[in-house]
Amino acid sequence: MKQTDIILLNESYVPRQEAKIDIEDRGYQFGDGIYEVIRVYGGRVFLLSEHLQRLKRSADEIQLALPLSLDELKQRLLELTDRTKLDEGIIYVQLTRGVAPRYHGFPDPAVKAQLVAYTKPMDRPLTQQQQGVKAVLVNDIRWLRCDIKTVNLLPNVLAKQKATENGAFEAIQHRNGTVTEGSSSNVFMVKKGVLHTHPPNNLILNGITRQYVIQLCSELNLRVHEQTFSVNDLLQADEVFITSTTSEIIPVIQIDKDTIGEGRPGPITQQLQQAFDQRIAELKTKTVR
């Protein structure tokens, strides 16, 4: 058995082949659950507390009682990282409302949430970060609580598939011409040295990397406007980039048939990438987790 085949299932660490989910788990039948994806660099977990705080917020928003405290969950995820000997990759953690006879309403309060977490080796997308990527535009057909990181992801799946079919890395979504976010990322544009990104309301997920990039902008004295902008604004931008836990900061150099800026990663995007890389290098030298 490979080290990465160890799964955290509720309170136990078990081999993957023993990690069984009941057919009446509400995550399986209703998409009634939430999740987080957390980066690991050099065996160090990146922004773990921030991810767990968002997990708690998502749980509160769907009235899901966590089966353990955030401190307990943190320690178990760190132990999972140790047990799987993960050096570079991700932790996936998911909570569902538990196992109960199929009924749309909530189950009895005695039904406990089901926790599953596992690790996966994953390289950083350095080629895409250095060269930039293509994106496509799609209508945002999601529900109106995109701020909750729910496992209900079918609209995102359809958007990502359109990107894949068109040889693109990401699909950028818009509602009636207003840009919201990517299928699995947040979107920033740069115009005349100022960054713009959709405000963190119910129409987007307030990405942990998004928040971290805004923090970096403050430290670098870069102005950020958290306000809506149109598809036309996006296509006329000097620079566009996307952010996410797995993508980090990736420049978008083409959207559909439109070239963005000069068709290569822009200076502000590169400045933020360099700052982000420096933070990762610092994280890897830390002895305290």
Protein backbone atom coordinates (compact mmCIF):
# COMPACT_ATOMS: atom_id res chain seq x y z
CA MET A 1 0.00 0.00 0.00
CA LYS A 2 1.26 3.45 -0.92
CA GLN A 3 1.52 6.02 1.86
CA THR A 4 -0.97 8.26 0.02
CA ASP A 5 -3.57 5.46 0.20
CA ILE A 6 -4.18 6.32 3.87
CA ILE A 7 -7.55 8.05 4.35
CA LEU A 8 -8.92 9.95 7.32
CA LEU A 9 -12.47 8.61 7.73
CA ASN A 10 -14.23 10.26 10.63
CA GLU A 11 -11.95 9.45 13.59
CA SER A 12 -9.83 6.75 11.98
CA TYR A 13 -6.92 6.52 9.55
CA VAL A 14 -7.68 3.60 7.25
CA PRO A 15 -6.35 2.12 3.99
CA ARG A 16 -8.17 3.54 0.97
CA GLN A 17 -9.74 0.18 0.10
CA GLU A 18 -11.37 0.15 3.54
CA ALA A 19 -12.76 3.71 3.34
CA LYS A 20 -16.39 2.92 2.56
CA ILE A 21 -19.23 5.43 2.16
CA ASP A 22 -22.85 4.35 2.66
CA ILE A 23 -25.16 4.60 -0.37
CA GLU A 24 -27.47 6.84 1.68
CA ASP A 25 -24.78 9.34 2.59
CA ARG A 26 -26.40 12.71 1.93
CA GLY A 27 -23.35 14.00 0.11
CA TYR A 28 -23.75 11.17 -2.39
CA GLN A 29 -27.51 11.55 -2.86
CA PHE A 30 -28.09 15.30 -2.42
CA GLY A 31 -24.70 16.97 -2.71
CA ASP A 32 -25.41 17.91 0.92
CA GLY A 33 -21.88 18.71 2.01
CA ILE A 34 -18.91 21.05 1.96
CA TYR A 35 -15.21 20.74 1.25
CA GLU A 36 -11.79 22.42 1.20
CA VAL A 37 -8.62 21.90 -0.81
CA ILE A 38 -5.43 22.88 1.02
CA ARG A 39 -1.92 23.19 -0.41
CA VAL A 40 1.18 21.53 1.06
CA TYR A 41 4.69 22.76 0.22
CA GLY A 42 7.77 20.93 1.45
CA GLY A 43 5.62 19.05 3.95
CA ARG A 44 4.28 22.33 5.37
CA VAL A 45 0.54 23.02 5.17
CA PHE A 46 -0.19 26.44 3.67
CA LEU A 47 -2.91 28.70 5.13
CA LEU A 48 -4.48 25.83 7.06
CA SER A 49 -6.24 28.00 9.65
CA GLU A 50 -7.77 30.18 6.95
CA HIS A 51 -9.12 27.14 5.11
CA LEU A 52 -10.59 25.68 8.30
CA GLN A 53 -12.25 28.97 9.18
CA ARG A 54 -13.90 29.01 5.76
CA LEU A 55 -14.95 25.37 6.23
CA LYS A 56 -16.62 26.38 9.50
CA ARG A 57 -18.38 29.28 7.78
CA SER A 58 -19.66 26.99 5.03
CA ALA A 59 -20.91 24.56 7.69
CA ASP A 60 -22.70 27.33 9.55
CA GLU A 61 -24.34 28.59 6.36
CA ILE A 62 -25.88 25.19 5.60
CA GLN A 63 -26.63 24.46 9.29
CA LEU A 64 -24.20 21.56 9.46
CA ALA A 65 -22.74 20.75 12.87
CA LEU A 66 -19.05 19.90 12.68
CA PRO A 67 -18.24 16.54 14.28
CA LEU A 68 -15.13 17.94 15.98
CA SER A 69 -13.54 21.29 16.82
CA LEU A 70 -11.36 23.16 14.35
CA ASP A 71 -8.33 22.53 16.56
CA GLU A 72 -9.04 18.80 16.55
CA LEU A 73 -9.55 18.81 12.80
CA LYS A 74 -6.32 20.75 12.31
CA GLN A 75 -4.34 18.20 14.30
CA ARG A 76 -5.87 15.30 12.40
CA LEU A 77 -5.08 16.85 9.03
CA LEU A 78 -1.49 17.49 10.12
CA GLU A 79 -1.23 13.88 11.25
CA LEU A 80 -2.68 12.74 7.92
CA THR A 81 0.01 14.76 6.13
CA ASP A 82 2.66 13.08 8.27
CA ARG A 83 1.24 9.59 7.80
CA THR A 84 1.11 9.97 4.01
CA LYS A 85 4.54 11.63 3.95
CA LEU A 86 3.20 14.30 1.61
CA ASP A 87 5.87 16.72 0.45
CA GLU A 88 4.24 18.66 -2.40
CA GLY A 89 0.52 18.41 -3.08
CA ILE A 90 -2.91 18.92 -1.60
CA ILE A 91 -5.17 17.83 1.24
CA TYR A 92 -8.81 17.29 0.29
CA VAL A 93 -11.28 17.41 3.19
CA GLN A 94 -15.03 16.89 2.87
CA LEU A 95 -17.93 16.90 5.32
CA THR A 96 -21.44 15.70 4.55
CA ARG A 97 -24.62 15.78 6.63
CA GLY A 98 -24.26 12.08 7.29
CA VAL A 99 -26.10 8.86 6.57
CA ALA A 100 -29.90 8.71 6.83
CA PRO A 101 -32.88 7.35 4.87
CA ARG A 102 -33.37 9.45 1.74
CA TYR A 103 -35.55 12.49 2.53
CA HIS A 104 -35.04 16.07 1.39
CA GLY A 105 -35.38 17.58 4.87
CA PHE A 106 -32.56 17.40 7.41
CA PRO A 107 -32.11 14.07 9.21
CA ASP A 108 -32.49 13.63 12.96
CA PRO A 109 -29.98 15.82 14.87
CA ALA A 110 -28.41 12.65 16.25
CA VAL A 111 -27.06 11.85 12.75
CA LYS A 112 -23.41 12.88 12.75
CA ALA A 113 -21.61 14.57 9.89
CA GLN A 114 -19.30 12.30 7.89
CA LEU A 115 -15.67 13.39 7.52
CA VAL A 116 -13.34 12.23 4.77
CA ALA A 117 -9.87 13.58 4.04
CA TYR A 118 -6.99 12.40 1.90
CA THR A 119 -3.77 13.72 0.42
CA LYS A 120 -2.62 13.80 -3.18
CA PRO A 121 0.81 14.61 -4.61
CA MET A 122 0.61 17.55 -6.99
CA ASP A 123 3.29 19.64 -8.66
CA ARG A 124 3.02 23.38 -8.93
CA PRO A 125 1.78 24.53 -12.37
CA LEU A 126 5.02 26.34 -13.19
CA THR A 127 4.70 26.11 -16.98
CA GLN A 128 1.27 27.73 -16.97
CA GLN A 129 2.47 30.37 -14.51
CA GLN A 130 5.42 31.28 -16.70
CA GLN A 131 3.73 31.14 -20.11
CA GLY A 132 0.13 32.09 -19.33
CA VAL A 133 -3.03 30.27 -20.35
CA LYS A 134 -6.14 30.60 -22.51
CA ALA A 135 -9.65 30.97 -21.06
CA VAL A 136 -13.17 30.91 -22.47
CA LEU A 137 -16.24 32.89 -21.45
CA VAL A 138 -19.36 31.09 -20.20
CA ASN A 139 -22.67 32.13 -18.71
CA ASP A 140 -22.71 31.75 -14.92
CA ILE A 141 -25.61 29.35 -14.35
CA ARG A 142 -24.86 28.57 -10.69
CA TRP A 143 -27.15 29.14 -7.71
CA LEU A 144 -27.08 32.34 -5.63
CA ARG A 145 -24.94 31.06 -2.73
CA CYS A 146 -21.61 30.67 -4.45
CA ASP A 147 -19.96 31.91 -1.24
CA ILE A 148 -20.54 28.46 0.27
CA LYS A 149 -17.92 25.89 -0.74
CA THR A 150 -20.40 23.11 -1.37
CA VAL A 151 -19.84 19.81 -3.16
CA ASN A 152 -22.68 20.81 -5.54
CA LEU A 153 -20.38 21.55 -8.48
CA LEU A 154 -22.24 20.45 -11.62
CA PRO A 155 -22.37 23.97 -13.20
CA ASN A 156 -18.63 24.32 -12.52
CA VAL A 157 -18.03 20.92 -14.11
CA LEU A 158 -19.95 21.94 -17.24
CA ALA A 159 -18.02 25.22 -17.45
CA LYS A 160 -14.67 23.47 -17.05
CA GLN A 161 -15.65 20.95 -19.71
CA LYS A 162 -16.36 23.77 -22.16
CA ALA A 163 -12.87 25.12 -21.46
CA THR A 164 -11.37 21.67 -22.01
CA GLU A 165 -13.25 21.17 -25.30
CA ASN A 166 -11.90 24.51 -26.54
CA GLY A 167 -8.30 23.83 -25.56
CA ALA A 168 -8.45 26.32 -22.67
CA PHE A 169 -7.23 26.09 -19.09
CA GLU A 170 -10.17 27.85 -17.44
CA ALA A 171 -13.71 29.06 -18.04
CA ILE A 172 -14.46 32.61 -16.85
CA GLN A 173 -18.09 32.98 -15.82
CA HIS A 174 -20.31 36.05 -16.13
CA ARG A 175 -23.87 36.96 -15.14
CA ASN A 176 -25.55 39.18 -17.72
CA GLY A 177 -22.16 40.52 -18.80
CA THR A 178 -20.75 41.01 -15.28
CA VAL A 179 -17.66 38.87 -14.62
CA THR A 180 -17.93 36.74 -11.48
CA GLU A 181 -15.16 34.12 -11.29
CA GLY A 182 -13.63 31.10 -12.94
CA SER A 183 -15.04 27.58 -12.80
CA SER A 184 -12.46 26.77 -10.11
CA SER A 185 -10.68 30.08 -9.55
CA ASN A 186 -11.08 33.78 -8.81
CA VAL A 187 -10.43 36.34 -11.53
CA PHE A 188 -8.37 39.54 -11.35
CA MET A 189 -7.80 42.11 -14.06
CA VAL A 190 -5.29 44.96 -14.16
CA LYS A 191 -6.01 48.28 -15.84
CA LYS A 192 -3.64 51.27 -15.66
CA GLY A 193 -1.80 49.73 -12.71
CA VAL A 194 -4.93 49.07 -10.61
CA LEU A 195 -6.22 45.58 -9.85
CA HIS A 196 -9.94 44.80 -10.04
CA THR A 197 -11.76 41.71 -8.75
CA HIS A 198 -15.37 40.90 -7.98
CA PRO A 199 -16.44 41.82 -4.42
CA PRO A 200 -16.74 38.90 -1.97
CA ASN A 201 -20.51 38.53 -1.89
CA ASN A 202 -22.89 35.64 -2.53
CA LEU A 203 -21.99 35.48 -6.24
CA ILE A 204 -18.42 34.23 -5.77
CA LEU A 205 -16.38 32.05 -3.45
CA ASN A 206 -14.06 34.25 -1.43
CA GLY A 207 -10.97 32.26 -2.33
CA ILE A 208 -8.23 31.80 0.26
CA THR A 209 -5.59 32.50 -2.41
CA ARG A 210 -7.69 35.49 -3.56
CA GLN A 211 -7.54 36.90 -0.04
CA TYR A 212 -3.83 36.18 0.20
CA VAL A 213 -3.12 37.96 -3.08
CA ILE A 214 -5.03 41.02 -1.87
CA GLN A 215 -2.88 40.95 1.25
CA LEU A 216 0.26 40.79 -0.90
CA CYS A 217 -1.03 43.76 -2.92
CA SER A 218 -1.32 45.79 0.27
CA GLU A 219 2.25 44.92 1.20
CA LEU A 220 3.46 45.83 -2.30
CA ASN A 221 1.48 49.10 -2.37
CA LEU A 222 -0.67 47.89 -5.25
CA ARG A 223 -4.21 49.23 -5.37
CA VAL A 224 -7.08 46.74 -5.48
CA HIS A 225 -10.70 47.63 -6.23
CA GLU A 226 -13.14 44.95 -5.10
CA GLN A 227 -15.94 45.95 -7.44
CA THR A 228 -17.81 44.48 -10.37
CA PHE A 229 -16.57 44.84 -13.94
CA SER A 230 -17.92 43.79 -17.30
CA VAL A 231 -16.82 41.26 -19.89
CA ASN A 232 -15.85 44.19 -22.10
CA ASP A 233 -13.69 45.61 -19.28
CA LEU A 234 -12.03 42.21 -18.94
CA LEU A 235 -11.22 41.96 -22.64
CA GLN A 236 -9.75 45.48 -22.61
CA ALA A 237 -7.59 44.83 -19.53
CA ASP A 238 -3.81 45.25 -19.55
CA GLU A 239 -3.44 42.00 -17.60
CA VAL A 240 -5.70 39.20 -16.38
CA PHE A 241 -4.84 36.43 -13.95
CA ILE A 242 -6.64 33.75 -11.98
CA THR A 243 -5.99 32.55 -8.44
CA SER A 244 -6.75 29.33 -6.59
CA THR A 245 -5.17 26.90 -4.17
CA THR A 246 -3.89 24.63 -6.94
CA SER A 247 -3.24 27.28 -9.61
CA GLU A 248 -1.73 29.86 -7.22
CA ILE A 249 -1.38 32.82 -9.64
CA ILE A 250 -1.70 32.06 -13.35
CA PRO A 251 -1.75 34.75 -16.08
CA VAL A 252 -4.52 34.62 -18.66
CA ILE A 253 -3.15 35.81 -22.00
CA GLN A 254 -6.12 34.98 -24.25
CA ILE A 255 -9.89 34.86 -23.69
CA ASP A 256 -11.82 33.21 -26.51
CA LYS A 257 -10.18 34.84 -29.57
CA ASP A 258 -9.16 38.05 -27.80
CA THR A 259 -5.54 38.61 -26.79
CA ILE A 260 -5.10 40.16 -23.36
CA GLY A 261 -2.62 43.02 -23.21
CA GLU A 262 0.52 42.09 -25.09
CA GLY A 263 -0.31 38.40 -25.11
CA ARG A 264 2.15 37.47 -22.37
CA PRO A 265 2.27 37.58 -18.54
CA GLY A 266 2.23 41.20 -17.39
CA PRO A 267 4.55 42.95 -14.91
CA ILE A 268 2.07 43.22 -12.03
CA THR A 269 1.12 39.55 -12.34
CA GLN A 270 4.81 38.63 -12.32
CA GLN A 271 5.46 40.86 -9.31
CA LEU A 272 2.75 39.06 -7.37
CA GLN A 273 4.04 35.66 -8.49
CA GLN A 274 7.50 36.54 -7.21
CA ALA A 275 6.09 37.65 -3.85
CA PHE A 276 4.04 34.45 -3.62
CA ASP A 277 7.08 32.31 -4.46
CA GLN A 278 9.03 34.04 -1.72
CA ARG A 279 6.35 33.20 0.85
CA ILE A 280 6.41 29.56 -0.18
CA ALA A 281 10.19 29.48 0.15
CA GLU A 282 9.88 30.98 3.65
CA LEU A 283 7.19 28.44 4.60
CA LYS A 284 9.46 25.54 3.66
CA THR A 285 12.15 26.74 6.09
CA LYS A 286 9.80 26.88 9.09
CA THR A 287 10.25 24.30 11.80
CA VAL A 288 6.92 25.03 13.53
CA ARG A 289 3.76 23.98 11.67
